[in-house]
């Protein structure tokens, strides 16, 4: 695979390279289908876990019930959420990892070291990065920031500037929100305000 430089001008070539990536093909139960969305002017970066089976089938980030819930949390319309000039999507692992016991397998570990640095460098206008779920938080929150996901989200105000930790919006998040009413009462209003500010709305 030809090298891709870390400059915004190379974002189209970089996206082509990511979508053509087959580094972990031998470890997947299916043909790789990396899912990514980005434009050089994007103001918000969403870093999630890895595509699920529905997203693998469609090739569209967050094209499932979790995506509906995430859009509700952020207050973003589908039109804005899927506008690469405004919102970028970079999962911890770009391909659907397959099913494991009790849910999907973890994101493949090859993706983030290979692609996150170049892609983040190609997004110089990002003002807000949403760390959705424990895998994204382990990659980008400081070591020792919080002992678990709940505490990381509870300490959202203390996260490094521009980073916003969130739970994964899977169906289980409804149960989690029931046990943690502060999330809806305190975190979501601030999240929506920061999203609007990042977009300049």
N, C-alpha and C. Protein backbone atom coordinates (compact mmCIF):
# COMPACT_ATOMS: atom_id res chain seq x y z
N UNK A 1 0.86 -1.19 0.00
CA UNK A 1 0.00 0.00 0.00
C UNK A 1 0.89 1.23 0.00
N UNK A 2 0.66 2.21 -0.88
CA UNK A 2 1.51 3.40 -0.92
C UNK A 2 1.35 4.23 0.33
N UNK A 3 2.41 4.90 0.77
CA UNK A 3 2.31 5.73 1.99
C UNK A 3 1.39 6.92 1.77
N UNK A 4 0.75 7.33 2.85
CA UNK A 4 -0.11 8.51 2.82
C UNK A 4 0.45 9.52 3.80
N UNK A 5 0.67 10.74 3.38
CA UNK A 5 1.23 11.75 4.27
C UNK A 5 0.17 12.33 5.17
N UNK A 6 0.62 12.94 6.28
CA UNK A 6 -0.28 13.44 7.30
C UNK A 6 -0.69 14.88 7.04
N UNK A 7 -1.18 15.20 5.87
CA UNK A 7 -1.58 16.56 5.56
C UNK A 7 -3.03 16.59 5.12
N UNK A 8 -3.74 17.68 5.42
CA UNK A 8 -5.15 17.76 5.04
C UNK A 8 -5.39 17.57 3.56
N UNK A 9 -4.43 17.98 2.72
CA UNK A 9 -4.63 17.88 1.28
C UNK A 9 -4.77 16.43 0.82
N UNK A 10 -4.31 15.47 1.65
CA UNK A 10 -4.31 14.08 1.27
C UNK A 10 -5.54 13.33 1.78
N UNK A 11 -6.55 14.03 2.28
CA UNK A 11 -7.65 13.32 2.92
C UNK A 11 -8.38 12.38 1.97
N UNK A 12 -8.56 12.77 0.72
CA UNK A 12 -9.26 11.89 -0.21
C UNK A 12 -8.46 10.61 -0.46
N UNK A 13 -7.15 10.76 -0.65
CA UNK A 13 -6.29 9.59 -0.82
C UNK A 13 -6.27 8.74 0.43
N UNK A 14 -6.28 9.40 1.60
CA UNK A 14 -6.27 8.68 2.86
C UNK A 14 -7.55 7.86 3.03
N UNK A 15 -8.69 8.45 2.72
CA UNK A 15 -9.95 7.71 2.83
C UNK A 15 -9.97 6.52 1.88
N UNK A 16 -9.44 6.70 0.68
CA UNK A 16 -9.37 5.57 -0.25
C UNK A 16 -8.49 4.46 0.32
N UNK A 17 -7.38 4.84 0.93
CA UNK A 17 -6.48 3.85 1.51
C UNK A 17 -7.13 3.11 2.67
N UNK A 18 -7.84 3.84 3.52
CA UNK A 18 -8.53 3.19 4.64
C UNK A 18 -9.58 2.21 4.13
N UNK A 19 -10.36 2.63 3.15
CA UNK A 19 -11.42 1.77 2.64
C UNK A 19 -10.88 0.55 1.89
N UNK A 20 -9.66 0.65 1.43
CA UNK A 20 -9.03 -0.48 0.74
C UNK A 20 -8.20 -1.36 1.68
N UNK A 21 -8.12 -0.99 2.95
CA UNK A 21 -7.26 -1.70 3.90
C UNK A 21 -7.70 -3.15 4.07
N UNK A 22 -6.74 -4.06 4.07
CA UNK A 22 -6.99 -5.48 4.28
C UNK A 22 -6.01 -6.06 5.30
N UNK A 23 -5.48 -5.21 6.17
CA UNK A 23 -4.45 -5.64 7.11
C UNK A 23 -4.92 -6.78 8.01
N UNK A 24 -6.17 -6.72 8.46
CA UNK A 24 -6.65 -7.75 9.39
C UNK A 24 -7.57 -8.75 8.71
N UNK A 25 -7.52 -8.85 7.40
CA UNK A 25 -8.46 -9.72 6.67
C UNK A 25 -8.43 -11.15 7.17
N UNK A 26 -7.26 -11.66 7.50
CA UNK A 26 -7.15 -13.05 7.93
C UNK A 26 -7.79 -13.28 9.30
N UNK A 27 -8.03 -12.21 10.04
CA UNK A 27 -8.60 -12.34 11.39
C UNK A 27 -10.10 -12.09 11.44
N UNK A 28 -10.70 -11.76 10.30
CA UNK A 28 -12.12 -11.45 10.25
C UNK A 28 -12.91 -12.64 9.69
N UNK A 29 -14.18 -12.80 10.11
CA UNK A 29 -15.00 -13.90 9.60
C UNK A 29 -15.70 -13.56 8.28
N UNK A 30 -15.32 -12.42 7.68
CA UNK A 30 -15.98 -11.94 6.47
C UNK A 30 -15.00 -11.06 5.71
N UNK A 31 -15.37 -10.64 4.51
CA UNK A 31 -14.54 -9.72 3.75
C UNK A 31 -14.49 -8.36 4.47
N UNK A 32 -13.31 -7.77 4.62
CA UNK A 32 -13.23 -6.46 5.28
C UNK A 32 -14.07 -5.41 4.55
N UNK A 33 -14.71 -4.54 5.35
CA UNK A 33 -15.42 -3.40 4.79
C UNK A 33 -15.23 -2.22 5.74
N UNK A 34 -14.07 -1.56 5.68
CA UNK A 34 -13.82 -0.43 6.58
C UNK A 34 -14.87 0.67 6.39
N UNK A 35 -15.36 1.18 7.51
CA UNK A 35 -16.39 2.22 7.50
C UNK A 35 -15.79 3.49 8.08
N UNK A 36 -15.83 4.57 7.31
CA UNK A 36 -15.25 5.84 7.73
C UNK A 36 -15.97 6.96 6.99
N UNK A 37 -16.02 8.13 7.64
CA UNK A 37 -16.59 9.33 7.01
C UNK A 37 -15.76 10.52 7.46
N UNK A 38 -15.34 11.35 6.54
CA UNK A 38 -14.54 12.51 6.93
C UNK A 38 -14.46 13.51 5.79
N UNK A 39 -14.35 14.77 6.16
CA UNK A 39 -14.07 15.86 5.24
C UNK A 39 -13.10 16.79 5.93
N UNK A 40 -12.23 17.44 5.18
CA UNK A 40 -11.18 18.27 5.78
C UNK A 40 -11.73 19.38 6.67
N UNK A 41 -12.98 19.81 6.43
CA UNK A 41 -13.55 20.89 7.22
C UNK A 41 -14.40 20.44 8.38
N UNK A 42 -14.46 19.15 8.67
CA UNK A 42 -15.31 18.64 9.76
C UNK A 42 -14.97 19.30 11.09
N UNK A 43 -15.99 19.67 11.83
CA UNK A 43 -15.81 20.32 13.14
C UNK A 43 -15.99 19.34 14.30
N UNK A 44 -16.68 18.22 14.05
CA UNK A 44 -16.92 17.23 15.09
C UNK A 44 -16.37 15.89 14.61
N UNK A 45 -15.68 15.18 15.51
CA UNK A 45 -15.16 13.85 15.22
C UNK A 45 -15.81 12.87 16.20
N UNK A 46 -16.45 11.84 15.67
CA UNK A 46 -17.08 10.80 16.49
C UNK A 46 -16.20 9.56 16.43
N UNK A 47 -15.66 9.17 17.59
CA UNK A 47 -14.85 7.95 17.68
C UNK A 47 -15.65 6.93 18.47
N UNK A 48 -16.09 5.90 17.80
CA UNK A 48 -16.89 4.87 18.45
C UNK A 48 -16.11 3.60 18.66
N UNK A 49 -16.81 2.49 18.60
CA UNK A 49 -16.22 1.18 18.88
C UNK A 49 -15.79 0.53 17.57
N UNK A 50 -16.72 -0.11 16.91
CA UNK A 50 -16.49 -0.74 15.61
C UNK A 50 -17.86 -0.94 14.98
N UNK A 51 -17.93 -1.02 13.67
CA UNK A 51 -19.23 -1.25 13.04
C UNK A 51 -19.88 -2.54 13.53
N UNK A 52 -21.20 -2.51 13.69
CA UNK A 52 -21.95 -3.72 13.95
C UNK A 52 -22.35 -4.38 12.64
N UNK A 53 -23.14 -5.43 12.74
CA UNK A 53 -23.50 -6.18 11.53
C UNK A 53 -24.34 -5.34 10.57
N UNK A 54 -25.24 -4.48 11.09
CA UNK A 54 -26.06 -3.65 10.21
C UNK A 54 -25.21 -2.61 9.49
N UNK A 55 -24.28 -2.03 10.19
CA UNK A 55 -23.39 -1.04 9.57
C UNK A 55 -22.47 -1.72 8.56
N UNK A 56 -22.02 -2.91 8.88
CA UNK A 56 -21.20 -3.68 7.92
C UNK A 56 -21.99 -3.91 6.63
N UNK A 57 -23.28 -4.20 6.76
CA UNK A 57 -24.10 -4.48 5.58
C UNK A 57 -24.32 -3.24 4.74
N UNK A 58 -24.51 -2.08 5.39
CA UNK A 58 -24.81 -0.85 4.64
C UNK A 58 -23.57 -0.05 4.27
N UNK A 59 -22.51 -0.17 5.08
CA UNK A 59 -21.32 0.64 4.86
C UNK A 59 -21.45 2.06 5.35
N UNK A 60 -22.51 2.35 6.12
CA UNK A 60 -22.78 3.71 6.62
C UNK A 60 -22.61 3.73 8.13
N UNK A 61 -21.80 4.62 8.65
CA UNK A 61 -21.53 4.70 10.08
C UNK A 61 -22.81 4.92 10.88
N UNK A 62 -22.92 4.21 11.98
CA UNK A 62 -24.03 4.40 12.92
C UNK A 62 -25.40 4.24 12.25
N UNK A 63 -25.48 3.35 11.29
CA UNK A 63 -26.73 3.12 10.56
C UNK A 63 -27.54 2.03 11.24
N UNK A 64 -27.92 2.30 12.50
CA UNK A 64 -28.63 1.30 13.29
C UNK A 64 -29.31 2.00 14.47
N UNK A 65 -29.89 1.23 15.37
CA UNK A 65 -30.58 1.82 16.52
C UNK A 65 -29.63 2.63 17.40
N UNK A 66 -28.39 2.16 17.53
CA UNK A 66 -27.41 2.91 18.33
C UNK A 66 -27.18 4.30 17.72
N UNK A 67 -27.14 4.36 16.40
CA UNK A 67 -26.97 5.65 15.74
C UNK A 67 -28.15 6.57 15.98
N UNK A 68 -29.35 6.01 15.95
CA UNK A 68 -30.53 6.83 16.25
C UNK A 68 -30.43 7.43 17.65
N UNK A 69 -29.99 6.62 18.59
CA UNK A 69 -29.88 7.10 19.97
C UNK A 69 -28.76 8.14 20.08
N UNK A 70 -27.64 7.91 19.42
CA UNK A 70 -26.54 8.87 19.48
C UNK A 70 -26.95 10.21 18.87
N UNK A 71 -27.67 10.17 17.77
CA UNK A 71 -28.13 11.43 17.17
C UNK A 71 -29.09 12.15 18.11
N UNK A 72 -29.92 11.41 18.81
CA UNK A 72 -30.82 12.03 19.78
C UNK A 72 -30.02 12.68 20.90
N UNK A 73 -29.00 11.99 21.39
CA UNK A 73 -28.17 12.56 22.45
C UNK A 73 -27.52 13.86 22.00
N UNK A 74 -27.01 13.88 20.79
CA UNK A 74 -26.26 15.06 20.32
C UNK A 74 -27.15 16.18 19.81
N UNK A 75 -28.40 15.85 19.47
CA UNK A 75 -29.28 16.83 18.86
C UNK A 75 -29.00 17.04 17.38
N UNK A 76 -28.20 16.18 16.78
CA UNK A 76 -27.86 16.33 15.36
C UNK A 76 -28.91 15.67 14.48
N UNK A 77 -29.28 16.35 13.40
CA UNK A 77 -30.17 15.76 12.42
C UNK A 77 -29.38 14.74 11.59
N UNK A 78 -30.06 13.77 10.96
CA UNK A 78 -29.34 12.86 10.07
C UNK A 78 -28.57 13.60 8.97
N UNK A 79 -29.13 14.70 8.47
CA UNK A 79 -28.47 15.44 7.40
C UNK A 79 -27.12 15.99 7.87
N UNK A 80 -27.06 16.53 9.07
CA UNK A 80 -25.80 17.05 9.59
C UNK A 80 -24.87 15.92 10.00
N UNK A 81 -25.40 14.91 10.66
CA UNK A 81 -24.62 13.78 11.15
C UNK A 81 -23.87 13.09 10.01
N UNK A 82 -24.50 13.04 8.84
CA UNK A 82 -23.91 12.36 7.69
C UNK A 82 -23.31 13.33 6.67
N UNK A 83 -23.05 14.55 7.10
CA UNK A 83 -22.38 15.52 6.23
C UNK A 83 -20.90 15.51 6.56
N UNK A 84 -20.05 14.92 5.72
CA UNK A 84 -18.63 14.82 6.05
C UNK A 84 -17.93 16.17 6.16
N UNK A 85 -18.52 17.21 5.61
CA UNK A 85 -17.94 18.54 5.75
C UNK A 85 -18.14 19.09 7.16
N UNK A 86 -19.00 18.43 7.95
CA UNK A 86 -19.29 18.92 9.30
C UNK A 86 -18.96 17.89 10.38
N UNK A 87 -19.21 16.61 10.09
CA UNK A 87 -19.02 15.55 11.09
C UNK A 87 -18.21 14.41 10.48
N UNK A 88 -17.15 14.00 11.18
CA UNK A 88 -16.34 12.86 10.77
C UNK A 88 -16.60 11.68 11.69
N UNK A 89 -16.51 10.48 11.15
CA UNK A 89 -16.71 9.25 11.92
C UNK A 89 -15.47 8.37 11.75
N UNK A 90 -14.81 8.09 12.88
CA UNK A 90 -13.60 7.29 12.89
C UNK A 90 -13.70 6.27 14.02
N UNK A 91 -14.12 5.04 13.74
CA UNK A 91 -14.26 4.06 14.81
C UNK A 91 -12.91 3.59 15.35
N UNK A 92 -12.92 2.99 16.53
CA UNK A 92 -11.69 2.42 17.08
C UNK A 92 -11.17 1.31 16.18
N UNK A 93 -12.08 0.53 15.62
CA UNK A 93 -11.78 -0.47 14.61
C UNK A 93 -12.69 -0.24 13.43
N UNK A 94 -12.16 -0.17 12.23
CA UNK A 94 -12.96 0.27 11.08
C UNK A 94 -13.85 -0.83 10.50
N UNK A 95 -13.56 -2.09 10.81
CA UNK A 95 -14.35 -3.20 10.25
C UNK A 95 -15.15 -3.90 11.34
N UNK A 96 -16.27 -4.47 10.95
CA UNK A 96 -17.07 -5.29 11.85
C UNK A 96 -16.23 -6.49 12.28
N UNK A 97 -16.01 -6.66 13.60
CA UNK A 97 -15.11 -7.72 14.05
C UNK A 97 -15.76 -9.10 14.14
N UNK A 98 -17.09 -9.17 14.04
CA UNK A 98 -17.78 -10.44 14.16
C UNK A 98 -18.39 -10.62 15.54
N UNK A 99 -19.15 -11.67 15.68
CA UNK A 99 -19.86 -11.95 16.93
C UNK A 99 -18.98 -12.70 17.92
N UNK A 100 -19.14 -12.32 19.19
CA UNK A 100 -18.49 -13.04 20.27
C UNK A 100 -19.54 -13.52 21.26
N UNK A 101 -19.12 -13.96 22.41
CA UNK A 101 -20.04 -14.39 23.45
C UNK A 101 -20.67 -13.16 24.09
N UNK A 102 -21.98 -13.03 23.99
CA UNK A 102 -22.68 -11.91 24.62
C UNK A 102 -22.66 -10.62 23.82
N UNK A 103 -22.19 -10.66 22.59
CA UNK A 103 -22.18 -9.43 21.78
C UNK A 103 -21.08 -9.47 20.74
N UNK A 104 -20.82 -8.32 20.12
CA UNK A 104 -19.77 -8.25 19.12
C UNK A 104 -18.39 -8.39 19.77
N UNK A 105 -17.44 -8.87 18.99
CA UNK A 105 -16.06 -8.93 19.45
C UNK A 105 -15.50 -7.51 19.59
N UNK A 106 -14.40 -7.35 20.32
CA UNK A 106 -13.78 -6.02 20.44
C UNK A 106 -13.27 -5.54 19.09
N UNK A 107 -13.07 -4.24 18.93
CA UNK A 107 -12.47 -3.72 17.70
C UNK A 107 -11.11 -4.36 17.44
N UNK A 108 -10.80 -4.57 16.17
CA UNK A 108 -9.48 -5.09 15.83
C UNK A 108 -8.41 -4.08 16.29
N UNK A 109 -7.32 -4.57 16.88
CA UNK A 109 -6.31 -3.67 17.44
C UNK A 109 -5.40 -3.03 16.40
N UNK A 110 -5.45 -3.51 15.14
CA UNK A 110 -4.55 -2.96 14.12
C UNK A 110 -4.94 -1.57 13.65
N UNK A 111 -6.23 -1.25 13.73
CA UNK A 111 -6.75 -0.05 13.06
C UNK A 111 -6.24 1.26 13.65
N UNK A 112 -6.41 1.43 14.94
CA UNK A 112 -6.08 2.73 15.55
C UNK A 112 -4.62 3.11 15.35
N UNK A 113 -3.65 2.22 15.62
CA UNK A 113 -2.25 2.62 15.41
C UNK A 113 -1.94 2.93 13.94
N UNK A 114 -2.63 2.29 13.03
CA UNK A 114 -2.34 2.46 11.62
C UNK A 114 -2.98 3.70 11.03
N UNK A 115 -4.22 4.00 11.41
CA UNK A 115 -4.99 5.01 10.69
C UNK A 115 -5.40 6.24 11.50
N UNK A 116 -5.47 6.14 12.82
CA UNK A 116 -5.99 7.27 13.58
C UNK A 116 -5.12 8.52 13.46
N UNK A 117 -3.81 8.35 13.57
CA UNK A 117 -2.93 9.52 13.49
C UNK A 117 -3.05 10.25 12.16
N UNK A 118 -2.91 9.56 11.04
CA UNK A 118 -3.06 10.25 9.75
C UNK A 118 -4.44 10.89 9.57
N UNK A 119 -5.50 10.20 10.03
CA UNK A 119 -6.83 10.76 9.81
C UNK A 119 -7.05 11.98 10.69
N UNK A 120 -6.62 11.94 11.92
CA UNK A 120 -6.77 13.11 12.80
C UNK A 120 -5.96 14.29 12.26
N UNK A 121 -4.79 14.01 11.70
CA UNK A 121 -3.98 15.09 11.13
C UNK A 121 -4.65 15.72 9.92
N UNK A 122 -5.50 14.95 9.25
CA UNK A 122 -6.19 15.45 8.06
C UNK A 122 -7.49 16.16 8.41
N UNK A 123 -7.75 16.32 9.72
CA UNK A 123 -8.99 16.99 10.18
C UNK A 123 -8.62 18.17 11.07
N UNK A 124 -8.02 19.20 10.52
CA UNK A 124 -7.50 20.30 11.34
C UNK A 124 -8.57 21.19 11.94
N UNK A 125 -9.81 21.09 11.47
CA UNK A 125 -10.86 21.97 11.95
C UNK A 125 -11.70 21.37 13.08
N UNK A 126 -11.38 20.15 13.50
CA UNK A 126 -12.17 19.50 14.55
C UNK A 126 -12.10 20.29 15.84
N UNK A 127 -13.25 20.60 16.40
CA UNK A 127 -13.35 21.34 17.66
C UNK A 127 -13.83 20.46 18.82
N UNK A 128 -14.52 19.38 18.49
CA UNK A 128 -15.11 18.52 19.52
C UNK A 128 -14.99 17.07 19.08
N UNK A 129 -14.43 16.23 19.95
CA UNK A 129 -14.29 14.81 19.67
C UNK A 129 -15.11 14.03 20.69
N UNK A 130 -16.07 13.26 20.19
CA UNK A 130 -16.92 12.44 21.06
C UNK A 130 -16.30 11.06 21.20
N UNK A 131 -15.99 10.68 22.42
CA UNK A 131 -15.41 9.37 22.71
C UNK A 131 -16.54 8.45 23.16
N UNK A 132 -17.06 7.68 22.22
CA UNK A 132 -18.28 6.91 22.46
C UNK A 132 -17.92 5.49 22.85
N UNK A 133 -18.02 5.19 24.15
CA UNK A 133 -17.74 3.85 24.64
C UNK A 133 -16.34 3.70 25.19
N UNK A 134 -16.12 2.57 25.85
CA UNK A 134 -14.87 2.36 26.59
C UNK A 134 -13.64 2.24 25.69
N UNK A 135 -13.79 1.69 24.49
CA UNK A 135 -12.61 1.51 23.65
C UNK A 135 -12.05 2.86 23.20
N UNK A 136 -12.91 3.76 22.79
CA UNK A 136 -12.46 5.10 22.39
C UNK A 136 -11.87 5.84 23.58
N UNK A 137 -12.46 5.67 24.75
CA UNK A 137 -11.97 6.36 25.94
C UNK A 137 -10.61 5.83 26.35
N UNK A 138 -10.39 4.53 26.22
CA UNK A 138 -9.07 3.97 26.56
C UNK A 138 -8.00 4.48 25.60
N UNK A 139 -8.39 4.75 24.37
CA UNK A 139 -7.42 5.26 23.39
C UNK A 139 -7.04 6.71 23.64
N UNK A 140 -8.00 7.54 24.13
CA UNK A 140 -7.78 8.98 24.10
C UNK A 140 -7.86 9.70 25.45
N UNK A 141 -8.43 9.10 26.47
CA UNK A 141 -8.40 9.76 27.77
C UNK A 141 -7.08 9.45 28.47
N UNK A 142 -6.60 10.35 29.31
CA UNK A 142 -5.33 10.08 30.00
C UNK A 142 -5.41 8.82 30.84
N UNK A 143 -4.29 8.12 30.92
CA UNK A 143 -4.23 6.91 31.75
C UNK A 143 -4.60 7.26 33.19
N UNK A 144 -5.50 6.49 33.78
CA UNK A 144 -5.92 6.73 35.15
C UNK A 144 -6.99 7.80 35.29
N UNK A 145 -7.54 8.28 34.17
CA UNK A 145 -8.55 9.34 34.24
C UNK A 145 -9.76 8.89 35.06
N UNK A 146 -10.19 7.66 34.89
CA UNK A 146 -11.35 7.14 35.62
C UNK A 146 -11.25 5.62 35.65
N UNK A 147 -11.79 4.98 36.69
CA UNK A 147 -11.66 3.52 36.81
C UNK A 147 -12.58 2.73 35.89
N UNK A 148 -13.62 3.38 35.36
CA UNK A 148 -14.56 2.67 34.50
C UNK A 148 -15.31 3.69 33.64
N UNK A 149 -16.14 3.17 32.74
CA UNK A 149 -16.86 4.06 31.81
C UNK A 149 -17.80 5.01 32.54
N UNK A 150 -18.53 4.51 33.52
CA UNK A 150 -19.48 5.37 34.22
C UNK A 150 -18.78 6.57 34.85
N UNK A 151 -17.65 6.32 35.48
CA UNK A 151 -16.93 7.42 36.11
C UNK A 151 -16.30 8.35 35.08
N UNK A 152 -15.88 7.79 33.95
CA UNK A 152 -15.34 8.65 32.90
C UNK A 152 -16.40 9.62 32.39
N UNK A 153 -17.62 9.11 32.20
CA UNK A 153 -18.71 9.97 31.74
C UNK A 153 -19.10 10.95 32.83
N UNK A 154 -19.14 10.50 34.07
CA UNK A 154 -19.49 11.38 35.18
C UNK A 154 -18.51 12.54 35.32
N UNK A 155 -17.27 12.32 34.91
CA UNK A 155 -16.23 13.35 35.01
C UNK A 155 -16.03 14.07 33.67
N UNK A 156 -17.07 14.15 32.87
CA UNK A 156 -16.92 14.71 31.52
C UNK A 156 -16.35 16.12 31.53
N UNK A 157 -16.67 16.90 32.56
CA UNK A 157 -16.17 18.28 32.61
C UNK A 157 -14.65 18.33 32.80
N UNK A 158 -14.07 17.26 33.33
CA UNK A 158 -12.64 17.22 33.61
C UNK A 158 -11.83 16.62 32.46
N UNK A 159 -12.49 16.16 31.42
CA UNK A 159 -11.78 15.57 30.29
C UNK A 159 -10.91 16.64 29.61
N UNK A 160 -9.82 16.24 28.97
CA UNK A 160 -9.00 17.21 28.23
C UNK A 160 -9.84 18.01 27.25
N UNK A 161 -9.42 19.23 27.03
CA UNK A 161 -10.18 20.15 26.18
C UNK A 161 -10.49 19.53 24.82
N UNK A 162 -11.75 19.63 24.42
CA UNK A 162 -12.17 19.13 23.13
C UNK A 162 -12.61 17.68 23.12
N UNK A 163 -12.43 16.96 24.24
CA UNK A 163 -12.84 15.56 24.33
C UNK A 163 -14.09 15.44 25.19
N UNK A 164 -15.02 14.58 24.77
CA UNK A 164 -16.27 14.42 25.50
C UNK A 164 -16.60 12.93 25.59
N UNK A 165 -16.41 12.30 26.78
CA UNK A 165 -16.71 10.88 26.93
C UNK A 165 -18.20 10.60 27.04
N UNK A 166 -18.64 9.57 26.33
CA UNK A 166 -20.04 9.15 26.34
C UNK A 166 -20.13 7.64 26.48
N UNK A 167 -21.23 7.13 27.03
CA UNK A 167 -21.45 5.68 27.00
C UNK A 167 -21.76 5.26 25.57
N UNK A 168 -21.62 3.97 25.30
CA UNK A 168 -22.05 3.49 23.99
C UNK A 168 -23.57 3.48 23.95
N UNK A 169 -24.19 3.98 22.87
CA UNK A 169 -25.66 4.09 22.83
C UNK A 169 -26.37 2.81 22.40
N UNK A 170 -25.84 1.66 22.75
CA UNK A 170 -26.52 0.39 22.48
C UNK A 170 -27.80 0.32 23.32
N UNK A 171 -28.63 -0.69 23.07
CA UNK A 171 -29.90 -0.79 23.80
C UNK A 171 -29.69 -0.83 25.30
N UNK A 172 -28.55 -1.38 25.74
CA UNK A 172 -28.28 -1.45 27.17
C UNK A 172 -28.12 -0.08 27.80
N UNK A 173 -27.85 0.93 26.98
CA UNK A 173 -27.67 2.27 27.54
C UNK A 173 -28.94 2.79 28.20
N UNK A 174 -30.10 2.29 27.77
CA UNK A 174 -31.35 2.71 28.41
C UNK A 174 -31.37 2.26 29.87
N UNK A 175 -30.89 1.05 30.13
CA UNK A 175 -30.81 0.56 31.50
C UNK A 175 -29.79 1.38 32.29
N UNK A 176 -28.66 1.66 31.64
CA UNK A 176 -27.61 2.45 32.29
C UNK A 176 -28.12 3.84 32.63
N UNK A 177 -28.86 4.47 31.71
CA UNK A 177 -29.39 5.81 31.97
C UNK A 177 -30.38 5.80 33.11
N UNK A 178 -31.13 4.70 33.25
CA UNK A 178 -32.07 4.60 34.35
C UNK A 178 -31.36 4.59 35.70
N UNK A 179 -30.16 4.01 35.73
CA UNK A 179 -29.39 3.95 36.97
C UNK A 179 -28.57 5.22 37.20
N UNK A 180 -28.41 6.00 36.14
CA UNK A 180 -27.57 7.21 36.22
C UNK A 180 -28.33 8.41 35.64
N UNK A 181 -29.38 8.87 36.35
CA UNK A 181 -30.23 9.94 35.80
C UNK A 181 -29.49 11.25 35.57
N UNK A 182 -28.34 11.45 36.22
CA UNK A 182 -27.54 12.66 36.00
C UNK A 182 -27.09 12.79 34.55
N UNK A 183 -26.98 11.67 33.83
CA UNK A 183 -26.53 11.74 32.44
C UNK A 183 -27.51 12.53 31.59
N UNK A 184 -28.78 12.21 31.69
CA UNK A 184 -29.78 12.92 30.90
C UNK A 184 -30.00 14.33 31.42
N UNK A 185 -29.93 14.50 32.74
CA UNK A 185 -30.22 15.80 33.34
C UNK A 185 -29.08 16.80 33.17
N UNK A 186 -27.82 16.32 33.22
CA UNK A 186 -26.69 17.23 33.24
C UNK A 186 -25.78 17.11 32.02
N UNK A 187 -25.48 15.87 31.62
CA UNK A 187 -24.51 15.67 30.55
C UNK A 187 -25.10 16.04 29.19
N UNK A 188 -26.29 15.54 28.88
CA UNK A 188 -26.85 15.75 27.55
C UNK A 188 -27.07 17.22 27.20
N UNK A 189 -27.58 18.05 28.12
CA UNK A 189 -27.71 19.48 27.76
C UNK A 189 -26.36 20.11 27.42
N UNK A 190 -25.31 19.75 28.17
CA UNK A 190 -23.98 20.31 27.88
C UNK A 190 -23.45 19.75 26.57
N UNK A 191 -23.68 18.47 26.31
CA UNK A 191 -23.25 17.87 25.05
C UNK A 191 -23.87 18.60 23.87
N UNK A 192 -25.19 18.83 23.92
CA UNK A 192 -25.86 19.49 22.80
C UNK A 192 -25.37 20.92 22.62
N UNK A 193 -25.08 21.60 23.74
CA UNK A 193 -24.56 22.96 23.65
C UNK A 193 -23.17 22.96 23.01
N UNK A 194 -22.34 22.00 23.37
CA UNK A 194 -20.99 21.94 22.80
C UNK A 194 -21.03 21.55 21.32
N UNK A 195 -21.96 20.68 20.96
CA UNK A 195 -22.12 20.32 19.55
C UNK A 195 -22.49 21.54 18.74
N UNK A 196 -23.47 22.32 19.24
CA UNK A 196 -23.89 23.53 18.52
C UNK A 196 -22.73 24.50 18.39
N UNK A 197 -21.96 24.66 19.47
CA UNK A 197 -20.85 25.59 19.45
C UNK A 197 -19.76 25.14 18.46
N UNK A 198 -19.48 23.84 18.45
CA UNK A 198 -18.44 23.33 17.54
C UNK A 198 -18.83 23.54 16.09
N UNK A 199 -20.12 23.42 15.79
CA UNK A 199 -20.59 23.60 14.42
C UNK A 199 -20.80 25.08 14.07
N UNK A 200 -20.76 25.94 15.11
CA UNK A 200 -21.00 27.35 14.87
C UNK A 200 -22.47 27.67 14.71
N UNK A 201 -23.35 26.78 15.22
CA UNK A 201 -24.80 27.00 15.10
C UNK A 201 -25.31 27.85 16.25
